[in-house]
Amino acid sequence: MPAYDFRQKQPLTMEHEAGKSEPVETGKDKPIGTTKGGYATPEEGPFECQRCVHYHKLNGTHGTCDHQDVVADAEAGEIKLSDSGMAVVAARGCSNYFRPEKGA
């Protein structure tokens, strides 16, 4: 079964680069978001970080994410790192690790 991109609601297709054994995602099937955690901004979605168990509200538009891979992306400079050591994310952003909050 091919990989499935839940944000695009379609299977991922891949092509092999010449001389490389690993598949390379190309064109419209290239994943969006940061390298490790797959964090994507609201402009790339519609998403709902604000409904995730990893999200902690800061204000009406932003919060922090405590998932280790999203934090790693922040530590690498791909997204902002909060003073408390968590990744600063948009309420309507998303990552590969979205899990609905209990009762949602």
PDB file of N, CA and C in Angstrom:
ATOM      1  N   MET A   1       0.847  -1.178   0.000  1.00  0.00           N
ATOM      2  CA  MET A   1       0.000   0.000   0.000  1.00  0.00           C
ATOM      3  C   MET A   1       0.891   1.239   0.000  1.00  0.00           C
ATOM      4  N   PRO A   2       0.621   2.221  -0.873  1.00  0.00           N
ATOM      5  CA  PRO A   2       1.451   3.427  -0.915  1.00  0.00           C
ATOM      6  C   PRO A   2       1.246   4.294   0.324  1.00  0.00           C
ATOM      7  N   ALA A   3       2.261   5.136   0.602  1.00  0.00           N
ATOM      8  CA  ALA A   3       2.141   6.091   1.708  1.00  0.00           C
ATOM      9  C   ALA A   3       0.979   7.030   1.425  1.00  0.00           C
ATOM     10  N   TYR A   4       0.361   7.537   2.475  1.00  0.00           N
ATOM     11  CA  TYR A   4      -0.806   8.407   2.322  1.00  0.00           C
ATOM     12  C   TYR A   4      -0.558   9.722   3.030  1.00  0.00           C
ATOM     13  N   ASP A   5      -0.788  10.813   2.352  1.00  0.00           N
ATOM     14  CA  ASP A   5      -0.632  12.145   2.922  1.00  0.00           C
ATOM     15  C   ASP A   5      -2.001  12.600   3.413  1.00  0.00           C
ATOM     16  N   PHE A   6      -2.225  12.552   4.738  1.00  0.00           N
ATOM     17  CA  PHE A   6      -3.535  12.887   5.282  1.00  0.00           C
ATOM     18  C   PHE A   6      -3.913  14.335   5.039  1.00  0.00           C
ATOM     19  N   ARG A   7      -2.916  15.230   4.915  1.00  0.00           N
ATOM     20  CA  ARG A   7      -3.220  16.639   4.696  1.00  0.00           C
ATOM     21  C   ARG A   7      -3.702  16.893   3.275  1.00  0.00           C
ATOM     22  N   GLN A   8      -3.157  16.145   2.316  1.00  0.00           N
ATOM     23  CA  GLN A   8      -3.567  16.317   0.922  1.00  0.00           C
ATOM     24  C   GLN A   8      -4.676  15.336   0.536  1.00  0.00           C
ATOM     25  N   LYS A   9      -4.963  14.377   1.424  1.00  0.00           N
ATOM     26  CA  LYS A   9      -5.993  13.359   1.206  1.00  0.00           C
ATOM     27  C   LYS A   9      -5.781  12.610  -0.103  1.00  0.00           C
ATOM     28  N   GLN A  10      -4.511  12.199  -0.317  1.00  0.00           N
ATOM     29  CA  GLN A  10      -4.193  11.428  -1.512  1.00  0.00           C
ATOM     30  C   GLN A  10      -2.934  10.605  -1.276  1.00  0.00           C
ATOM     31  N   PRO A  11      -2.776   9.496  -2.016  1.00  0.00           N
ATOM     32  CA  PRO A  11      -1.557   8.703  -1.882  1.00  0.00           C
ATOM     33  C   PRO A  11      -0.349   9.497  -2.362  1.00  0.00           C
ATOM     34  N   LEU A  12       0.805   9.248  -1.746  1.00  0.00           N
ATOM     35  CA  LEU A  12       2.045   9.860  -2.203  1.00  0.00           C
ATOM     36  C   LEU A  12       2.612   9.026  -3.341  1.00  0.00           C
ATOM     37  N   THR A  13       3.135   9.666  -4.347  1.00  0.00           N
ATOM     38  CA  THR A  13       3.828   8.957  -5.408  1.00  0.00           C
ATOM     39  C   THR A  13       5.282   9.376  -5.358  1.00  0.00           C
ATOM     40  N   MET A  14       6.158   8.495  -5.764  1.00  0.00           N
ATOM     41  CA  MET A  14       7.587   8.783  -5.672  1.00  0.00           C
ATOM     42  C   MET A  14       8.288   8.380  -6.961  1.00  0.00           C
ATOM     43  N   GLU A  15       9.361   9.087  -7.250  1.00  0.00           N
ATOM     44  CA  GLU A  15      10.206   8.750  -8.378  1.00  0.00           C
ATOM     45  C   GLU A  15      11.614   8.547  -7.845  1.00  0.00           C
ATOM     46  N   HIS A  16      12.384   7.696  -8.504  1.00  0.00           N
ATOM     47  CA  HIS A  16      13.764   7.470  -8.087  1.00  0.00           C
ATOM     48  C   HIS A  16      14.682   8.448  -8.799  1.00  0.00           C
ATOM     49  N   GLU A  17      15.609   9.038  -8.040  1.00  0.00           N
ATOM     50  CA  GLU A  17      16.628   9.878  -8.641  1.00  0.00           C
ATOM     51  C   GLU A  17      17.680   8.960  -9.243  1.00  0.00           C
ATOM     52  N   ALA A  18      18.223   9.355 -10.364  1.00  0.00           N
ATOM     53  CA  ALA A  18      19.238   8.538 -11.023  1.00  0.00           C
ATOM     54  C   ALA A  18      20.413   8.288 -10.086  1.00  0.00           C
ATOM     55  N   GLY A  19      20.794   7.020  -9.965  1.00  0.00           N
ATOM     56  CA  GLY A  19      21.952   6.656  -9.153  1.00  0.00           C
ATOM     57  C   GLY A  19      21.685   6.550  -7.661  1.00  0.00           C
ATOM     58  N   LYS A  20      20.447   6.753  -7.210  1.00  0.00           N
ATOM     59  CA  LYS A  20      20.133   6.660  -5.789  1.00  0.00           C
ATOM     60  C   LYS A  20      19.107   5.564  -5.577  1.00  0.00           C
ATOM     61  N   SER A  21      19.266   4.840  -4.488  1.00  0.00           N
ATOM     62  CA  SER A  21      18.353   3.731  -4.228  1.00  0.00           C
ATOM     63  C   SER A  21      17.092   4.169  -3.482  1.00  0.00           C
ATOM     64  N   GLU A  22      17.137   5.312  -2.841  1.00  0.00           N
ATOM     65  CA  GLU A  22      15.979   5.792  -2.087  1.00  0.00           C
ATOM     66  C   GLU A  22      15.045   6.587  -2.982  1.00  0.00           C
ATOM     67  N   PRO A  23      13.740   6.425  -2.842  1.00  0.00           N
ATOM     68  CA  PRO A  23      12.815   7.216  -3.637  1.00  0.00           C
ATOM     69  C   PRO A  23      12.851   8.688  -3.220  1.00  0.00           C
ATOM     70  N   VAL A  24      12.594   9.553  -4.170  1.00  0.00           N
ATOM     71  CA  VAL A  24      12.555  10.993  -3.918  1.00  0.00           C
ATOM     72  C   VAL A  24      11.160  11.483  -4.281  1.00  0.00           C
ATOM     73  N   GLU A  25      10.507  12.157  -3.344  1.00  0.00           N
ATOM     74  CA  GLU A  25       9.168  12.677  -3.609  1.00  0.00           C
ATOM     75  C   GLU A  25       9.295  13.944  -4.439  1.00  0.00           C
ATOM     76  N   THR A  26       8.461  14.058  -5.448  1.00  0.00           N
ATOM     77  CA  THR A  26       8.583  15.171  -6.376  1.00  0.00           C
ATOM     78  C   THR A  26       7.248  15.858  -6.603  1.00  0.00           C
ATOM     79  N   GLY A  27       7.321  17.064  -7.171  1.00  0.00           N
ATOM     80  CA  GLY A  27       6.135  17.789  -7.603  1.00  0.00           C
ATOM     81  C   GLY A  27       5.116  17.998  -6.512  1.00  0.00           C
ATOM     82  N   LYS A  28       3.833  17.835  -6.874  1.00  0.00           N
ATOM     83  CA  LYS A  28       2.747  18.089  -5.934  1.00  0.00           C
ATOM     84  C   LYS A  28       2.722  17.092  -4.784  1.00  0.00           C
ATOM     85  N   ASP A  29       3.453  15.984  -4.898  1.00  0.00           N
ATOM     86  CA  ASP A  29       3.467  14.975  -3.848  1.00  0.00           C
ATOM     87  C   ASP A  29       4.584  15.176  -2.837  1.00  0.00           C
ATOM     88  N   LYS A  30       5.408  16.214  -3.029  1.00  0.00           N
ATOM     89  CA  LYS A  30       6.470  16.494  -2.069  1.00  0.00           C
ATOM     90  C   LYS A  30       5.836  16.922  -0.758  1.00  0.00           C
ATOM     91  N   PRO A  31       6.244  16.317   0.369  1.00  0.00           N
ATOM     92  CA  PRO A  31       5.642  16.689   1.658  1.00  0.00           C
ATOM     93  C   PRO A  31       5.863  18.160   1.984  1.00  0.00           C
ATOM     94  N   ILE A  32       4.907  18.727   2.692  1.00  0.00           N
ATOM     95  CA  ILE A  32       5.061  20.095   3.153  1.00  0.00           C
ATOM     96  C   ILE A  32       5.542  20.051   4.591  1.00  0.00           C
ATOM     97  N   GLY A  33       6.009  21.159   5.100  1.00  0.00           N
ATOM     98  CA  GLY A  33       6.369  21.241   6.509  1.00  0.00           C
ATOM     99  C   GLY A  33       7.854  21.108   6.772  1.00  0.00           C
ATOM    100  N   THR A  34       8.181  21.184   8.057  1.00  0.00           N
ATOM    101  CA  THR A  34       9.566  21.110   8.492  1.00  0.00           C
ATOM    102  C   THR A  34      10.109  19.696   8.340  1.00  0.00           C
ATOM    103  N   THR A  35      11.414  19.573   8.407  1.00  0.00           N
ATOM    104  CA  THR A  35      12.100  18.321   8.112  1.00  0.00           C
ATOM    105  C   THR A  35      11.720  17.155   9.004  1.00  0.00           C
ATOM    106  N   LYS A  36      11.800  17.313  10.287  1.00  0.00           N
ATOM    107  CA  LYS A  36      11.610  16.189  11.199  1.00  0.00           C
ATOM    108  C   LYS A  36      10.165  16.019  11.652  1.00  0.00           C
ATOM    109  N   GLY A  37       9.552  17.073  12.116  1.00  0.00           N
ATOM    110  CA  GLY A  37       8.203  16.984  12.660  1.00  0.00           C
ATOM    111  C   GLY A  37       7.094  17.219  11.654  1.00  0.00           C
ATOM    112  N   GLY A  38       7.438  17.715  10.474  1.00  0.00           N
ATOM    113  CA  GLY A  38       6.419  17.977   9.466  1.00  0.00           C
ATOM    114  C   GLY A  38       5.497  19.129   9.825  1.00  0.00           C
ATOM    115  N   TYR A  39       5.969  20.068  10.663  1.00  0.00           N
ATOM    116  CA  TYR A  39       5.126  21.207  11.031  1.00  0.00           C
ATOM    117  C   TYR A  39       4.863  22.053   9.798  1.00  0.00           C
ATOM    118  N   ALA A  40       3.596  22.373   9.562  1.00  0.00           N
ATOM    119  CA  ALA A  40       3.185  23.192   8.425  1.00  0.00           C
ATOM    120  C   ALA A  40       2.404  24.397   8.932  1.00  0.00           C
ATOM    121  N   THR A  41       2.605  25.535   8.285  1.00  0.00           N
ATOM    122  CA  THR A  41       1.932  26.765   8.682  1.00  0.00           C
ATOM    123  C   THR A  41       0.475  26.749   8.223  1.00  0.00           C
ATOM    124  N   PRO A  42      -0.363  27.639   8.774  1.00  0.00           N
ATOM    125  CA  PRO A  42      -1.770  27.695   8.371  1.00  0.00           C
ATOM    126  C   PRO A  42      -1.958  27.914   6.872  1.00  0.00           C
ATOM    127  N   GLU A  43      -1.046  28.646   6.231  1.00  0.00           N
ATOM    128  CA  GLU A  43      -1.150  28.909   4.803  1.00  0.00           C
ATOM    129  C   GLU A  43      -1.064  27.628   3.974  1.00  0.00           C
ATOM    130  N   GLU A  44      -0.477  26.575   4.550  1.00  0.00           N
ATOM    131  CA  GLU A  44      -0.315  25.312   3.837  1.00  0.00           C
ATOM    132  C   GLU A  44      -1.467  24.340   4.105  1.00  0.00           C
ATOM    133  N   GLY A  45      -2.442  24.752   4.893  1.00  0.00           N
ATOM    134  CA  GLY A  45      -3.483  23.838   5.333  1.00  0.00           C
ATOM    135  C   GLY A  45      -4.874  24.234   4.924  1.00  0.00           C
ATOM    136  N   PRO A  46      -5.899  23.832   5.502  1.00  0.00           N
ATOM    137  CA  PRO A  46      -6.393  24.162   6.837  1.00  0.00           C
ATOM    138  C   PRO A  46      -6.078  23.049   7.832  1.00  0.00           C
ATOM    139  N   PHE A  47      -5.604  23.442   8.977  1.00  0.00           N
ATOM    140  CA  PHE A  47      -5.221  22.507  10.028  1.00  0.00           C
ATOM    141  C   PHE A  47      -5.814  22.939  11.365  1.00  0.00           C
ATOM    142  N   GLU A  48      -5.540  22.169  12.406  1.00  0.00           N
ATOM    143  CA  GLU A  48      -6.080  22.471  13.735  1.00  0.00           C
ATOM    144  C   GLU A  48      -5.122  22.084  14.852  1.00  0.00           C
ATOM    145  N   CYS A  49      -3.913  22.639  14.909  1.00  0.00           N
ATOM    146  CA  CYS A  49      -2.989  22.367  16.012  1.00  0.00           C
ATOM    147  C   CYS A  49      -3.668  22.597  17.368  1.00  0.00           C
ATOM    148  N   GLN A  50      -4.520  23.603  17.416  1.00  0.00           N
ATOM    149  CA  GLN A  50      -5.148  23.992  18.678  1.00  0.00           C
ATOM    150  C   GLN A  50      -6.015  22.890  19.277  1.00  0.00           C
ATOM    151  N   ARG A  51      -6.303  21.832  18.526  1.00  0.00           N
ATOM    152  CA  ARG A  51      -7.114  20.718  19.025  1.00  0.00           C
ATOM    153  C   ARG A  51      -6.255  19.490  19.345  1.00  0.00           C
ATOM    154  N   CYS A  52      -4.945  19.655  19.415  1.00  0.00           N
ATOM    155  CA  CYS A  52      -4.010  18.537  19.598  1.00  0.00           C
ATOM    156  C   CYS A  52      -3.543  18.429  21.052  1.00  0.00           C
ATOM    157  N   VAL A  53      -3.262  17.206  21.480  1.00  0.00           N
ATOM    158  CA  VAL A  53      -2.782  16.984  22.853  1.00  0.00           C
ATOM    159  C   VAL A  53      -1.408  17.602  23.090  1.00  0.00           C
ATOM    160  N   HIS A  54      -0.640  17.857  22.030  1.00  0.00           N
ATOM    161  CA  HIS A  54       0.705  18.432  22.174  1.00  0.00           C
ATOM    162  C   HIS A  54       0.697  19.962  22.228  1.00  0.00           C
ATOM    163  N   TYR A  55      -0.454  20.582  21.984  1.00  0.00           N
ATOM    164  CA  TYR A  55      -0.572  22.041  21.878  1.00  0.00           C
ATOM    165  C   TYR A  55      -0.864  22.670  23.238  1.00  0.00           C
ATOM    166  N   HIS A  56      -0.175  23.781  23.524  1.00  0.00           N
ATOM    167  CA  HIS A  56      -0.390  24.547  24.759  1.00  0.00           C
ATOM    168  C   HIS A  56      -0.578  26.011  24.360  1.00  0.00           C
ATOM    169  N   LYS A  57      -1.741  26.550  24.615  1.00  0.00           N
ATOM    170  CA  LYS A  57      -2.123  27.883  24.152  1.00  0.00           C
ATOM    171  C   LYS A  57      -1.252  28.979  24.771  1.00  0.00           C
ATOM    172  N   LEU A  58      -0.798  29.904  23.916  1.00  0.00           N
ATOM    173  CA  LEU A  58      -0.100  31.110  24.367  1.00  0.00           C
ATOM    174  C   LEU A  58      -1.030  32.314  24.272  1.00  0.00           C
ATOM    175  N   ASN A  59      -1.695  32.437  23.121  1.00  0.00           N
ATOM    176  CA  ASN A  59      -2.630  33.532  22.862  1.00  0.00           C
ATOM    177  C   ASN A  59      -3.647  33.052  21.842  1.00  0.00           C
ATOM    178  N   GLY A  60      -4.396  33.946  21.228  1.00  0.00           N
ATOM    179  CA  GLY A  60      -5.438  33.530  20.292  1.00  0.00           C
ATOM    180  C   GLY A  60      -4.951  32.917  18.990  1.00  0.00           C
ATOM    181  N   THR A  61      -3.713  33.223  18.595  1.00  0.00           N
ATOM    182  CA  THR A  61      -3.229  32.725  17.303  1.00  0.00           C
ATOM    183  C   THR A  61      -2.058  31.761  17.391  1.00  0.00           C
ATOM    184  N   HIS A  62      -1.403  31.681  18.543  1.00  0.00           N
ATOM    185  CA  HIS A  62      -0.219  30.832  18.679  1.00  0.00           C
ATOM    186  C   HIS A  62      -0.192  30.074  20.006  1.00  0.00           C
ATOM    187  N   GLY A  63       0.575  29.010  20.004  1.00  0.00           N
ATOM    188  CA  GLY A  63       0.798  28.209  21.197  1.00  0.00           C
ATOM    189  C   GLY A  63       2.148  27.543  21.079  1.00  0.00           C
ATOM    190  N   THR A  64       2.406  26.585  21.957  1.00  0.00           N
ATOM    191  CA  THR A  64       3.642  25.820  21.871  1.00  0.00           C
ATOM    192  C   THR A  64       3.310  24.350  21.664  1.00  0.00           C
ATOM    193  N   CYS A  65       4.257  23.641  21.083  1.00  0.00           N
ATOM    194  CA  CYS A  65       4.109  22.204  20.842  1.00  0.00           C
ATOM    195  C   CYS A  65       5.205  21.500  21.627  1.00  0.00           C
ATOM    196  N   ASP A  66       4.820  20.429  22.342  1.00  0.00           N
ATOM    197  CA  ASP A  66       5.806  19.705  23.137  1.00  0.00           C
ATOM    198  C   ASP A  66       6.293  18.410  22.487  1.00  0.00           C
ATOM    199  N   HIS A  67       5.870  18.126  21.242  1.00  0.00           N
ATOM    200  CA  HIS A  67       6.336  16.889  20.611  1.00  0.00           C
ATOM    201  C   HIS A  67       7.826  17.016  20.287  1.00  0.00           C
ATOM    202  N   GLN A  68       8.600  15.979  20.613  1.00  0.00           N
ATOM    203  CA  GLN A  68      10.056  16.035  20.495  1.00  0.00           C
ATOM    204  C   GLN A  68      10.557  16.344  19.077  1.00  0.00           C
ATOM    205  N   ASP A  69       9.888  15.846  18.052  1.00  0.00           N
ATOM    206  CA  ASP A  69      10.361  16.111  16.697  1.00  0.00           C
ATOM    207  C   ASP A  69      10.042  17.535  16.246  1.00  0.00           C
ATOM    208  N   VAL A  70       8.938  18.091  16.683  1.00  0.00           N
ATOM    209  CA  VAL A  70       8.616  19.479  16.348  1.00  0.00           C
ATOM    210  C   VAL A  70       9.562  20.399  17.118  1.00  0.00           C
ATOM    211  N   VAL A  71       9.858  20.061  18.367  1.00  0.00           N
ATOM    212  CA  VAL A  71      10.834  20.825  19.154  1.00  0.00           C
ATOM    213  C   VAL A  71      12.207  20.750  18.485  1.00  0.00           C
ATOM    214  N   ALA A  72      12.575  19.582  17.956  1.00  0.00           N
ATOM    215  CA  ALA A  72      13.858  19.437  17.256  1.00  0.00           C
ATOM    216  C   ALA A  72      13.924  20.363  16.047  1.00  0.00           C
ATOM    217  N   ASP A  73      12.813  20.509  15.329  1.00  0.00           N
ATOM    218  CA  ASP A  73      12.775  21.447  14.205  1.00  0.00           C
ATOM    219  C   ASP A  73      12.999  22.877  14.689  1.00  0.00           C
ATOM    220  N   ALA A  74      12.427  23.219  15.839  1.00  0.00           N
ATOM    221  CA  ALA A  74      12.629  24.561  16.402  1.00  0.00           C
ATOM    222  C   ALA A  74      14.085  24.745  16.830  1.00  0.00           C
ATOM    223  N   GLU A  75      14.656  23.729  17.440  1.00  0.00           N
ATOM    224  CA  GLU A  75      16.058  23.809  17.856  1.00  0.00           C
ATOM    225  C   GLU A  75      16.989  23.944  16.653  1.00  0.00           C
ATOM    226  N   ALA A  76      16.571  23.399  15.512  1.00  0.00           N
ATOM    227  CA  ALA A  76      17.354  23.501  14.282  1.00  0.00           C
ATOM    228  C   ALA A  76      17.125  24.826  13.558  1.00  0.00           C
ATOM    229  N   GLY A  77      16.218  25.650  14.081  1.00  0.00           N
ATOM    230  CA  GLY A  77      15.978  26.966  13.497  1.00  0.00           C
ATOM    231  C   GLY A  77      14.931  27.006  12.404  1.00  0.00           C
ATOM    232  N   GLU A  78      14.226  25.894  12.162  1.00  0.00           N
ATOM    233  CA  GLU A  78      13.199  25.899  11.109  1.00  0.00           C
ATOM    234  C   GLU A  78      11.944  26.644  11.548  1.00  0.00           C
ATOM    235  N   ILE A  79      11.650  26.624  12.837  1.00  0.00           N
ATOM    236  CA  ILE A  79      10.550  27.386  13.416  1.00  0.00           C
ATOM    237  C   ILE A  79      11.042  27.966  14.734  1.00  0.00           C
ATOM    238  N   LYS A  80      10.273  28.859  15.325  1.00  0.00           N
ATOM    239  CA  LYS A  80      10.701  29.560  16.542  1.00  0.00           C
ATOM    240  C   LYS A  80      10.698  28.627  17.758  1.00  0.00           C
ATOM    241  N   LEU A  81      11.668  28.808  18.634  1.00  0.00           N
ATOM    242  CA  LEU A  81      11.780  28.075  19.897  1.00  0.00           C
ATOM    243  C   LEU A  81      11.374  29.016  21.026  1.00  0.00           C
ATOM    244  N   SER A  82      10.473  28.563  21.903  1.00  0.00           N
ATOM    245  CA  SER A  82      10.018  29.407  23.015  1.00  0.00           C
ATOM    246  C   SER A  82      11.073  29.451  24.114  1.00  0.00           C
ATOM    247  N   ASP A  83      10.924  30.402  25.035  1.00  0.00           N
ATOM    248  CA  ASP A  83      11.822  30.498  26.183  1.00  0.00           C
ATOM    249  C   ASP A  83      11.764  29.250  27.047  1.00  0.00           C
ATOM    250  N   SER A  84      10.626  28.545  27.014  1.00  0.00           N
ATOM    251  CA  SER A  84      10.474  27.330  27.818  1.00  0.00           C
ATOM    252  C   SER A  84      11.009  26.085  27.103  1.00  0.00           C
ATOM    253  N   GLY A  85      11.565  26.258  25.880  1.00  0.00           N
ATOM    254  CA  GLY A  85      12.164  25.142  25.166  1.00  0.00           C
ATOM    255  C   GLY A  85      11.200  24.345  24.310  1.00  0.00           C
ATOM    256  N   MET A  86      10.006  24.885  24.073  1.00  0.00           N
ATOM    257  CA  MET A  86       9.063  24.212  23.191  1.00  0.00           C
ATOM    258  C   MET A  86       8.966  24.986  21.879  1.00  0.00           C
ATOM    259  N   ALA A  87       8.433  24.332  20.851  1.00  0.00           N
ATOM    260  CA  ALA A  87       8.275  24.967  19.547  1.00  0.00           C
ATOM    261  C   ALA A  87       7.072  25.889  19.569  1.00  0.00           C
ATOM    262  N   VAL A  88       7.231  27.099  19.030  1.00  0.00           N
ATOM    263  CA  VAL A  88       6.115  28.033  18.896  1.00  0.00           C
ATOM    264  C   VAL A  88       5.418  27.705  17.577  1.00  0.00           C
ATOM    265  N   VAL A  89       4.116  27.420  17.673  1.00  0.00           N
ATOM    266  CA  VAL A  89       3.344  27.015  16.495  1.00  0.00           C
ATOM    267  C   VAL A  89       2.057  27.830  16.415  1.00  0.00           C
ATOM    268  N   ALA A  90       1.504  27.915  15.227  1.00  0.00           N
ATOM    269  CA  ALA A  90       0.228  28.603  15.022  1.00  0.00           C
ATOM    270  C   ALA A  90      -0.921  27.693  15.440  1.00  0.00           C
ATOM    271  N   ALA A  91      -1.973  28.290  15.987  1.00  0.00           N
ATOM    272  CA  ALA A  91      -3.148  27.520  16.406  1.00  0.00           C
ATOM    273  C   ALA A  91      -3.725  26.725  15.244  1.00  0.00           C
ATOM    274  N   ARG A  92      -3.594  27.249  14.038  1.00  0.00           N
ATOM    275  CA  ARG A  92      -4.111  26.555  12.850  1.00  0.00           C
ATOM    276  C   ARG A  92      -2.993  25.938  12.018  1.00  0.00           C
ATOM    277  N   GLY A  93      -1.852  25.667  12.663  1.00  0.00           N
ATOM    278  CA  GLY A  93      -0.776  24.927  12.017  1.00  0.00           C
ATOM    279  C   GLY A  93      -1.023  23.440  12.207  1.00  0.00           C
ATOM    280  N   CYS A  94      -0.062  22.612  11.861  1.00  0.00           N
ATOM    281  CA  CYS A  94      -0.209  21.167  12.039  1.00  0.00           C
ATOM    282  C   CYS A  94       1.151  20.503  11.909  1.00  0.00           C
ATOM    283  N   SER A  95       1.266  19.294  12.414  1.00  0.00           N
ATOM    284  CA  SER A  95       2.473  18.492  12.226  1.00  0.00           C
ATOM    285  C   SER A  95       2.063  17.048  11.949  1.00  0.00           C
ATOM    286  N   ASN A  96       3.053  16.223  11.681  1.00  0.00           N
ATOM    287  CA  ASN A  96       2.795  14.801  11.455  1.00  0.00           C
ATOM    288  C   ASN A  96       2.307  14.097  12.714  1.00  0.00           C
ATOM    289  N   TYR A  97       2.413  14.742  13.853  1.00  0.00           N
ATOM    290  CA  TYR A  97       2.115  14.101  15.133  1.00  0.00           C
ATOM    291  C   TYR A  97       0.815  14.564  15.760  1.00  0.00           C
ATOM    292  N   PHE A  98      -0.062  15.139  14.952  1.00  0.00           N
ATOM    293  CA  PHE A  98      -1.357  15.591  15.470  1.00  0.00           C
ATOM    294  C   PHE A  98      -2.104  14.422  16.106  1.00  0.00           C
ATOM    295  N   ARG A  99      -2.574  14.630  17.334  1.00  0.00           N
ATOM    296  CA  ARG A  99      -3.434  13.682  18.031  1.00  0.00           C
ATOM    297  C   ARG A  99      -4.545  14.504  18.679  1.00  0.00           C
ATOM    298  N   PRO A 100      -5.805  14.168  18.394  1.00  0.00           N
ATOM    299  CA  PRO A 100      -6.903  14.964  18.962  1.00  0.00           C
ATOM    300  C   PRO A 100      -6.860  14.954  20.488  1.00  0.00           C
ATOM    301  N   GLU A 101      -7.212  16.091  21.075  1.00  0.00           N
ATOM    302  CA  GLU A 101      -7.296  16.145  22.523  1.00  0.00           C
ATOM    303  C   GLU A 101      -8.426  15.237  22.995  1.00  0.00           C
ATOM    304  N   LYS A 102      -8.327  14.769  24.217  1.00  0.00           N
ATOM    305  CA  LYS A 102      -9.368  13.892  24.761  1.00  0.00           C
ATOM    306  C   LYS A 102     -10.704  14.601  24.742  1.00  0.00           C
ATOM    307  N   GLY A 103     -11.738  13.875  24.339  1.00  0.00           N
ATOM    308  CA  GLY A 103     -13.065  14.428  24.308  1.00  0.00           C
ATOM    309  C   GLY A 103     -13.378  15.197  23.044  1.00  0.00           C
ATOM    310  N   ALA A 104     -12.374  15.337  22.137  1.00  0.00           N
ATOM    311  CA  ALA A 104     -12.613  16.090  20.893  1.00  0.00           C
ATOM    312  C   ALA A 104     -13.208  15.178  19.834  1.00  0.00           C
TER     313      ALA A 104
END
